[in-house]
Amino acid sequence: MQVQVLTTAPSLGPEEMEQFVTFPVETAMSGIPHVEEIRSTTRFGLSNVTIVFEEGTDIYWARQLVGERLSEARAEIPPELGSPTMGPIATGMGEIYQFEVRAKPDYDFSLQELRTILDWNIAFQLRSVPGVIEVNTFGGELKTYEVQIDPNALLNYNIPLNTVFEALEQNNSNAGGGYIVHHDEQRLVRARGLVKSLDDIGDIVLDSREDGTPIRIRDIGQVRFAPWPSASCPLWPER
């Protein structure tokens, strides 16, 4: 019987993953009662630590102990390098089926579109099948919103790079403002700011000129869909 602790850190190399993620997790898990073995696998952007317990150990008791030790591991790992979590309840023999998503020759689907179909349509329906604990999707191109910044434009407008990061973060959220009672009607107050399209990102204001003309994201770079750098790495080991 085994419990897996998984950590994803996009674009982090195996050596850094081993030093900053895998080793702290292994250290935190050492000393748990009834543990036979602790082994790990470190890949590009992925750390997988497996804690093997003695035969007959209650799986939920083991996961509770591992969960208690995870807080120690998280305290030793910088937040930007990922947060370790427990994998699904499964064993090394739990993998029952592998499949690929391909487009027919008559249909022009990109790798990014195929990955989106896998994540949001196929995997979603498979998880509703009785007895299926987890569906692991990997490969293809995971779609992200990307701002490709022109350094010359930043210098021209005298805008620091941190300003771009802060503007993107602060302009992608909704907020509630309570309600107003007007003529026996209750009207909810909302501030809607979630990004829903490439144009929404391009319209985010960074600064303004002396005459009041706004400087937007689209003025300092190109907004586009792009694949996640580590989209080829599985979010979970194949099970």
C-alpha atoms as a PDB file:
ATOM      1  CA  MET A   1       0.000   0.000   0.000  1.00  0.00           C
ATOM      2  CA  GLN A   2       1.380   3.391  -0.947  1.00  0.00           C
ATOM      3  CA  VAL A   3       0.674   7.110  -0.796  1.00  0.00           C
ATOM      4  CA  GLN A   4       2.040   9.506  -3.378  1.00  0.00           C
ATOM      5  CA  VAL A   5       2.998  13.149  -2.854  1.00  0.00           C
ATOM      6  CA  LEU A   6       3.063  15.148  -6.077  1.00  0.00           C
ATOM      7  CA  THR A   7       4.401  18.628  -6.758  1.00  0.00           C
ATOM      8  CA  THR A   8       4.370  20.522 -10.054  1.00  0.00           C
ATOM      9  CA  ALA A   9       6.685  23.462 -10.721  1.00  0.00           C
ATOM     10  CA  PRO A  10       6.472  24.575 -14.370  1.00  0.00           C
ATOM     11  CA  SER A  11       9.799  25.101 -16.157  1.00  0.00           C
ATOM     12  CA  LEU A  12      11.902  23.980 -13.160  1.00  0.00           C
ATOM     13  CA  GLY A  13      14.695  21.582 -14.116  1.00  0.00           C
ATOM     14  CA  PRO A  14      15.159  18.128 -12.542  1.00  0.00           C
ATOM     15  CA  GLU A  15      18.189  19.200 -10.475  1.00  0.00           C
ATOM     16  CA  GLU A  16      16.344  22.149  -8.918  1.00  0.00           C
ATOM     17  CA  MET A  17      13.223  20.027  -8.385  1.00  0.00           C
ATOM     18  CA  GLU A  18      15.301  17.435  -6.554  1.00  0.00           C
ATOM     19  CA  GLN A  19      17.046  20.008  -4.347  1.00  0.00           C
ATOM     20  CA  PHE A  20      14.191  22.380  -3.508  1.00  0.00           C
ATOM     21  CA  VAL A  21      11.123  20.111  -3.669  1.00  0.00           C
ATOM     22  CA  THR A  22      11.797  16.358  -3.606  1.00  0.00           C
ATOM     23  CA  PHE A  23      14.368  16.398  -0.803  1.00  0.00           C
ATOM     24  CA  PRO A  24      12.246  18.499   1.625  1.00  0.00           C
ATOM     25  CA  VAL A  25       9.243  16.226   1.001  1.00  0.00           C
ATOM     26  CA  GLU A  26      11.288  13.069   1.605  1.00  0.00           C
ATOM     27  CA  THR A  27      12.738  14.570   4.790  1.00  0.00           C
ATOM     28  CA  ALA A  28       9.279  15.481   6.114  1.00  0.00           C
ATOM     29  CA  MET A  29       7.958  11.969   5.420  1.00  0.00           C
ATOM     30  CA  SER A  30      10.784  10.145   7.183  1.00  0.00           C
ATOM     31  CA  GLY A  31       9.900   8.651  10.556  1.00  0.00           C
ATOM     32  CA  ILE A  32       6.223   7.911   9.834  1.00  0.00           C
ATOM     33  CA  PRO A  33       5.190   4.646  11.565  1.00  0.00           C
ATOM     34  CA  HIS A  34       4.849   1.439   9.499  1.00  0.00           C
ATOM     35  CA  VAL A  35       6.716   2.867   6.495  1.00  0.00           C
ATOM     36  CA  GLU A  36       8.717   0.294   4.551  1.00  0.00           C
ATOM     37  CA  GLU A  37      10.232   2.513   1.888  1.00  0.00           C
ATOM     38  CA  ILE A  38      10.332   6.091   0.589  1.00  0.00           C
ATOM     39  CA  ARG A  39      11.284   6.493  -3.044  1.00  0.00           C
ATOM     40  CA  SER A  40      11.053   9.372  -5.461  1.00  0.00           C
ATOM     41  CA  THR A  41      11.096  10.295  -9.121  1.00  0.00           C
ATOM     42  CA  THR A  42      12.083  13.793 -10.222  1.00  0.00           C
ATOM     43  CA  ARG A  43      11.429  15.072 -13.728  1.00  0.00           C
ATOM     44  CA  PHE A  44      11.243  18.372 -15.516  1.00  0.00           C
ATOM     45  CA  GLY A  45       8.566  20.302 -13.640  1.00  0.00           C
ATOM     46  CA  LEU A  46       7.371  17.303 -11.612  1.00  0.00           C
ATOM     47  CA  SER A  47       8.314  15.710  -8.270  1.00  0.00           C
ATOM     48  CA  ASN A  48       6.780  12.369  -7.277  1.00  0.00           C
ATOM     49  CA  VAL A  49       7.522  10.981  -3.794  1.00  0.00           C
ATOM     50  CA  THR A  50       6.050   7.559  -3.008  1.00  0.00           C
ATOM     51  CA  ILE A  51       5.661   6.436   0.622  1.00  0.00           C
ATOM     52  CA  VAL A  52       5.242   2.638   0.818  1.00  0.00           C
ATOM     53  CA  PHE A  53       3.547   1.313   3.977  1.00  0.00           C
ATOM     54  CA  GLU A  54       3.494  -2.179   5.432  1.00  0.00           C
ATOM     55  CA  GLU A  55       0.955  -4.602   3.991  1.00  0.00           C
ATOM     56  CA  GLY A  56      -2.390  -4.303   5.743  1.00  0.00           C
ATOM     57  CA  THR A  57      -2.008  -0.677   6.786  1.00  0.00           C
ATOM     58  CA  ASP A  58      -5.269   1.245   6.586  1.00  0.00           C
ATOM     59  CA  ILE A  59      -5.060   3.540   3.560  1.00  0.00           C
ATOM     60  CA  TYR A  60      -7.000   6.380   5.194  1.00  0.00           C
ATOM     61  CA  TRP A  61      -4.868   6.252   8.351  1.00  0.00           C
ATOM     62  CA  ALA A  62      -1.736   6.399   6.195  1.00  0.00           C
ATOM     63  CA  ARG A  63      -3.035   9.324   4.165  1.00  0.00           C
ATOM     64  CA  GLN A  64      -3.909  11.176   7.374  1.00  0.00           C
ATOM     65  CA  LEU A  65      -0.335  10.863   8.634  1.00  0.00           C
ATOM     66  CA  VAL A  66       1.091  11.913   5.288  1.00  0.00           C
ATOM     67  CA  GLY A  67      -1.290  14.877   5.208  1.00  0.00           C
ATOM     68  CA  GLU A  68      -0.071  15.998   8.638  1.00  0.00           C
ATOM     69  CA  ARG A  69       3.543  15.869   7.473  1.00  0.00           C
ATOM     70  CA  LEU A  70       2.735  17.839   4.295  1.00  0.00           C
ATOM     71  CA  SER A  71       2.489  21.050   6.302  1.00  0.00           C
ATOM     72  CA  GLU A  72       6.140  20.610   7.292  1.00  0.00           C
ATOM     73  CA  ALA A  73       7.148  20.043   3.681  1.00  0.00           C
ATOM     74  CA  ARG A  74       5.242  23.100   2.443  1.00  0.00           C
ATOM     75  CA  ALA A  75       6.998  25.291   5.005  1.00  0.00           C
ATOM     76  CA  GLU A  76      10.378  24.293   3.533  1.00  0.00           C
ATOM     77  CA  ILE A  77       9.424  24.838  -0.124  1.00  0.00           C
ATOM     78  CA  PRO A  78       9.280  28.394  -1.546  1.00  0.00           C
ATOM     79  CA  PRO A  79       5.688  29.190  -2.616  1.00  0.00           C
ATOM     80  CA  GLU A  80       6.730  29.982  -6.189  1.00  0.00           C
ATOM     81  CA  LEU A  81       8.108  26.449  -6.588  1.00  0.00           C
ATOM     82  CA  GLY A  82       4.794  24.690  -6.065  1.00  0.00           C
ATOM     83  CA  SER A  83       2.799  23.144  -3.231  1.00  0.00           C
ATOM     84  CA  PRO A  84       2.979  19.369  -2.590  1.00  0.00           C
ATOM     85  CA  THR A  85      -0.328  17.501  -2.563  1.00  0.00           C
ATOM     86  CA  MET A  86      -1.367  13.881  -2.160  1.00  0.00           C
ATOM     87  CA  GLY A  87      -2.226  11.911  -5.250  1.00  0.00           C
ATOM     88  CA  PRO A  88      -5.437   9.917  -5.660  1.00  0.00           C
ATOM     89  CA  ILE A  89      -6.045   6.668  -3.799  1.00  0.00           C
ATOM     90  CA  ALA A  90      -4.353   4.218  -6.127  1.00  0.00           C
ATOM     91  CA  THR A  91      -1.621   1.599  -6.255  1.00  0.00           C
ATOM     92  CA  GLY A  92       1.205   0.910  -8.649  1.00  0.00           C
ATOM     93  CA  MET A  93      -1.145  -1.465 -10.497  1.00  0.00           C
ATOM     94  CA  GLY A  94      -3.979   1.050 -10.680  1.00  0.00           C
ATOM     95  CA  GLU A  95      -3.484   2.081 -14.284  1.00  0.00           C
ATOM     96  CA  ILE A  96      -6.141   0.382 -16.354  1.00  0.00           C
ATOM     97  CA  TYR A  97      -6.347   2.256 -19.652  1.00  0.00           C
ATOM     98  CA  GLN A  98      -4.366   4.602 -21.854  1.00  0.00           C
ATOM     99  CA  PHE A  99      -5.663   6.431 -24.896  1.00  0.00           C
ATOM    100  CA  GLU A 100      -4.757   9.179 -27.346  1.00  0.00           C
ATOM    101  CA  VAL A 101      -6.906  11.959 -28.719  1.00  0.00           C
ATOM    102  CA  ARG A 102      -6.395  12.440 -32.444  1.00  0.00           C
ATOM    103  CA  ALA A 103      -8.179  14.379 -35.146  1.00  0.00           C
ATOM    104  CA  LYS A 104      -9.375  12.817 -38.369  1.00  0.00           C
ATOM    105  CA  PRO A 105      -7.474  13.905 -41.478  1.00  0.00           C
ATOM    106  CA  ASP A 106     -10.492  15.926 -42.633  1.00  0.00           C
ATOM    107  CA  TYR A 107     -10.504  18.020 -39.429  1.00  0.00           C
ATOM    108  CA  ASP A 108      -7.855  20.645 -38.816  1.00  0.00           C
ATOM    109  CA  PHE A 109      -7.400  20.581 -35.019  1.00  0.00           C
ATOM    110  CA  SER A 110      -4.220  21.937 -33.442  1.00  0.00           C
ATOM    111  CA  LEU A 111      -2.480  20.243 -30.522  1.00  0.00           C
ATOM    112  CA  GLN A 112      -3.798  23.035 -28.334  1.00  0.00           C
ATOM    113  CA  GLU A 113      -7.397  22.415 -29.401  1.00  0.00           C
ATOM    114  CA  LEU A 114      -7.036  18.660 -28.874  1.00  0.00           C
ATOM    115  CA  ARG A 115      -5.683  19.202 -25.341  1.00  0.00           C
ATOM    116  CA  THR A 116      -8.621  21.499 -24.562  1.00  0.00           C
ATOM    117  CA  ILE A 117     -11.093  18.863 -25.772  1.00  0.00           C
ATOM    118  CA  LEU A 118      -9.344  16.244 -23.640  1.00  0.00           C
ATOM    119  CA  ASP A 119      -9.358  18.365 -20.473  1.00  0.00           C
ATOM    120  CA  TRP A 120     -12.835  19.870 -20.688  1.00  0.00           C
ATOM    121  CA  ASN A 121     -14.899  17.253 -22.520  1.00  0.00           C
ATOM    122  CA  ILE A 122     -13.458  13.750 -22.515  1.00  0.00           C
ATOM    123  CA  ALA A 123     -11.769  13.707 -19.074  1.00  0.00           C
ATOM    124  CA  PHE A 124     -14.731  15.473 -17.477  1.00  0.00           C
ATOM    125  CA  GLN A 125     -17.118  12.735 -18.618  1.00  0.00           C
ATOM    126  CA  LEU A 126     -14.729   9.893 -17.739  1.00  0.00           C
ATOM    127  CA  ARG A 127     -14.495  11.110 -14.131  1.00  0.00           C
ATOM    128  CA  SER A 128     -18.236  10.517 -13.750  1.00  0.00           C
ATOM    129  CA  VAL A 129     -17.832   6.784 -14.510  1.00  0.00           C
ATOM    130  CA  PRO A 130     -18.283   4.679 -11.328  1.00  0.00           C
ATOM    131  CA  GLY A 131     -14.978   3.290 -10.055  1.00  0.00           C
ATOM    132  CA  VAL A 132     -12.772   5.858 -11.819  1.00  0.00           C
ATOM    133  CA  ILE A 133     -10.667   7.688  -9.216  1.00  0.00           C
ATOM    134  CA  GLU A 134      -8.577   9.923 -11.453  1.00  0.00           C
ATOM    135  CA  VAL A 135      -8.079  10.728 -15.118  1.00  0.00           C
ATOM    136  CA  ASN A 136      -4.560  11.923 -15.880  1.00  0.00           C
ATOM    137  CA  THR A 137      -4.269  14.217 -18.880  1.00  0.00           C
ATOM    138  CA  PHE A 138      -0.926  15.189 -20.364  1.00  0.00           C
ATOM    139  CA  GLY A 139       0.733  15.899 -23.665  1.00  0.00           C
ATOM    140  CA  GLY A 140      -0.329  18.262 -26.403  1.00  0.00           C
ATOM    141  CA  GLU A 141      -0.315  22.000 -25.752  1.00  0.00           C
ATOM    142  CA  LEU A 142      -2.027  23.393 -22.660  1.00  0.00           C
ATOM    143  CA  LYS A 143      -3.615  26.704 -23.690  1.00  0.00           C
ATOM    144  CA  THR A 144      -2.556  29.838 -21.805  1.00  0.00           C
ATOM    145  CA  TYR A 145      -2.930  33.583 -22.266  1.00  0.00           C
ATOM    146  CA  GLU A 146       0.468  35.077 -23.038  1.00  0.00           C
ATOM    147  CA  VAL A 147       1.704  38.656 -23.249  1.00  0.00           C
ATOM    148  CA  GLN A 148       4.780  38.851 -25.453  1.00  0.00           C
ATOM    149  CA  ILE A 149       6.368  42.104 -24.317  1.00  0.00           C
ATOM    150  CA  ASP A 150       8.403  44.366 -26.580  1.00  0.00           C
ATOM    151  CA  PRO A 151      11.369  45.653 -24.480  1.00  0.00           C
ATOM    152  CA  ASN A 152      11.756  48.694 -26.733  1.00  0.00           C
ATOM    153  CA  ALA A 153       8.140  49.679 -26.084  1.00  0.00           C
ATOM    154  CA  LEU A 154       8.684  49.445 -22.320  1.00  0.00           C
ATOM    155  CA  LEU A 155      11.678  51.752 -22.589  1.00  0.00           C
ATOM    156  CA  ASN A 156       9.799  54.122 -24.850  1.00  0.00           C
ATOM    157  CA  TYR A 157       6.901  54.462 -22.391  1.00  0.00           C
ATOM    158  CA  ASN A 158       9.203  54.257 -19.333  1.00  0.00           C
ATOM    159  CA  ILE A 159       7.165  51.452 -17.754  1.00  0.00           C
ATOM    160  CA  PRO A 160       8.876  48.957 -15.396  1.00  0.00           C
ATOM    161  CA  LEU A 161       8.282  45.260 -16.042  1.00  0.00           C
ATOM    162  CA  ASN A 162       6.832  44.838 -12.536  1.00  0.00           C
ATOM    163  CA  THR A 163       4.089  47.298 -13.443  1.00  0.00           C
ATOM    164  CA  VAL A 164       2.951  44.924 -16.186  1.00  0.00           C
ATOM    165  CA  PHE A 165       2.830  41.983 -13.761  1.00  0.00           C
ATOM    166  CA  GLU A 166       0.893  43.971 -11.163  1.00  0.00           C
ATOM    167  CA  ALA A 167      -1.588  45.325 -13.706  1.00  0.00           C
ATOM    168  CA  LEU A 168      -2.338  41.864 -15.063  1.00  0.00           C
ATOM    169  CA  GLU A 169      -2.887  40.492 -11.555  1.00  0.00           C
ATOM    170  CA  GLN A 170      -4.985  43.360 -10.239  1.00  0.00           C
ATOM    171  CA  ASN A 171      -7.226  43.586 -13.311  1.00  0.00           C
ATOM    172  CA  ASN A 172      -8.353  39.961 -13.316  1.00  0.00           C
ATOM    173  CA  SER A 173     -10.903  39.623 -10.521  1.00  0.00           C
ATOM    174  CA  ASN A 174     -14.535  40.199  -9.611  1.00  0.00           C
ATOM    175  CA  ALA A 175     -15.694  41.835  -6.394  1.00  0.00           C
ATOM    176  CA  GLY A 176     -18.958  42.173  -4.516  1.00  0.00           C
ATOM    177  CA  GLY A 177     -20.231  45.501  -3.229  1.00  0.00           C
ATOM    178  CA  GLY A 178     -23.272  44.479  -1.216  1.00  0.00           C
ATOM    179  CA  TYR A 179     -26.684  45.708  -2.348  1.00  0.00           C
ATOM    180  CA  ILE A 180     -28.825  48.842  -2.667  1.00  0.00           C
ATOM    181  CA  VAL A 181     -32.522  48.985  -1.784  1.00  0.00           C
ATOM    182  CA  HIS A 182     -34.416  51.131  -4.292  1.00  0.00           C
ATOM    183  CA  HIS A 183     -38.226  51.293  -4.463  1.00  0.00           C
ATOM    184  CA  ASP A 184     -38.645  48.040  -2.538  1.00  0.00           C
ATOM    185  CA  GLU A 185     -36.182  46.319  -4.858  1.00  0.00           C
ATOM    186  CA  GLN A 186     -32.828  44.930  -3.825  1.00  0.00           C
ATOM    187  CA  ARG A 187     -30.137  45.567  -6.425  1.00  0.00           C
ATOM    188  CA  LEU A 188     -26.835  43.771  -6.117  1.00  0.00           C
ATOM    189  CA  VAL A 189     -23.629  45.740  -6.646  1.00  0.00           C
ATOM    190  CA  ARG A 190     -20.840  43.917  -8.447  1.00  0.00           C
ATOM    191  CA  ALA A 191     -17.497  44.880  -9.926  1.00  0.00           C
ATOM    192  CA  ARG A 192     -16.829  42.610 -12.891  1.00  0.00           C
ATOM    193  CA  GLY A 193     -13.200  42.449 -13.976  1.00  0.00           C
ATOM    194  CA  LEU A 194     -12.397  38.847 -14.859  1.00  0.00           C
ATOM    195  CA  VAL A 195     -10.420  38.448 -18.063  1.00  0.00           C
ATOM    196  CA  LYS A 196     -12.412  36.492 -20.640  1.00  0.00           C
ATOM    197  CA  SER A 197     -10.672  37.215 -23.940  1.00  0.00           C
ATOM    198  CA  LEU A 198      -7.435  38.400 -25.503  1.00  0.00           C
ATOM    199  CA  ASP A 199      -8.987  41.819 -26.077  1.00  0.00           C
ATOM    200  CA  ASP A 200      -9.725  42.138 -22.351  1.00  0.00           C
ATOM    201  CA  ILE A 201      -6.032  41.660 -21.593  1.00  0.00           C
ATOM    202  CA  GLY A 202      -4.974  44.093 -24.287  1.00  0.00           C
ATOM    203  CA  ASP A 203      -7.280  46.775 -22.847  1.00  0.00           C
ATOM    204  CA  ILE A 204      -5.714  46.698 -19.352  1.00  0.00           C
ATOM    205  CA  VAL A 205      -4.301  50.144 -18.556  1.00  0.00           C
ATOM    206  CA  LEU A 206      -0.701  50.399 -17.355  1.00  0.00           C
ATOM    207  CA  ASP A 207      -0.201  54.157 -17.139  1.00  0.00           C
ATOM    208  CA  SER A 208      -1.202  57.370 -18.886  1.00  0.00           C
ATOM    209  CA  ARG A 209       0.624  60.121 -20.750  1.00  0.00           C
ATOM    210  CA  GLU A 210       0.677  63.771 -19.710  1.00  0.00           C
ATOM    211  CA  ASP A 211      -2.340  64.497 -21.906  1.00  0.00           C
ATOM    212  CA  GLY A 212      -4.319  61.676 -20.258  1.00  0.00           C
ATOM    213  CA  THR A 213      -3.957  59.149 -23.089  1.00  0.00           C
ATOM    214  CA  PRO A 214      -3.917  55.659 -21.511  1.00  0.00           C
ATOM    215  CA  ILE A 215      -1.066  53.245 -22.141  1.00  0.00           C
ATOM    216  CA  ARG A 216      -2.475  49.737 -22.431  1.00  0.00           C
ATOM    217  CA  ILE A 217      -1.044  46.232 -22.530  1.00  0.00           C
ATOM    218  CA  ARG A 218      -1.518  46.085 -26.299  1.00  0.00           C
ATOM    219  CA  ASP A 219       0.721  49.150 -26.663  1.00  0.00           C
ATOM    220  CA  ILE A 220       3.746  47.404 -25.145  1.00  0.00           C
ATOM    221  CA  GLY A 221       3.363  43.884 -26.507  1.00  0.00           C
ATOM    222  CA  GLN A 222       1.349  41.234 -28.306  1.00  0.00           C
ATOM    223  CA  VAL A 223      -1.403  39.269 -26.547  1.00  0.00           C
ATOM    224  CA  ARG A 224      -1.965  35.749 -27.840  1.00  0.00           C
ATOM    225  CA  PHE A 225      -2.743  32.149 -26.974  1.00  0.00           C
ATOM    226  CA  ALA A 226       0.392  30.107 -26.333  1.00  0.00           C
ATOM    227  CA  PRO A 227       1.178  26.635 -24.938  1.00  0.00           C
ATOM    228  CA  TRP A 228       2.219  26.240 -21.305  1.00  0.00           C
ATOM    229  CA  PRO A 229       6.010  25.644 -21.182  1.00  0.00           C
ATOM    230  CA  SER A 230       5.659  22.318 -19.343  1.00  0.00           C
ATOM    231  CA  ALA A 231       2.407  21.126 -20.921  1.00  0.00           C
ATOM    232  CA  SER A 232       4.078  17.881 -21.973  1.00  0.00           C
ATOM    233  CA  CYS A 233       4.622  16.933 -18.301  1.00  0.00           C
ATOM    234  CA  PRO A 234       1.759  14.965 -16.712  1.00  0.00           C
ATOM    235  CA  LEU A 235      -0.030  16.603 -13.820  1.00  0.00           C
ATOM    236  CA  TRP A 236      -0.113  13.178 -12.166  1.00  0.00           C
ATOM    237  CA  PRO A 237       1.929  10.050 -12.831  1.00  0.00           C
ATOM    238  CA  GLU A 238       0.160   7.647 -15.160  1.00  0.00           C
ATOM    239  CA  ARG A 239      -2.243   5.518 -13.166  1.00  0.00           C
END
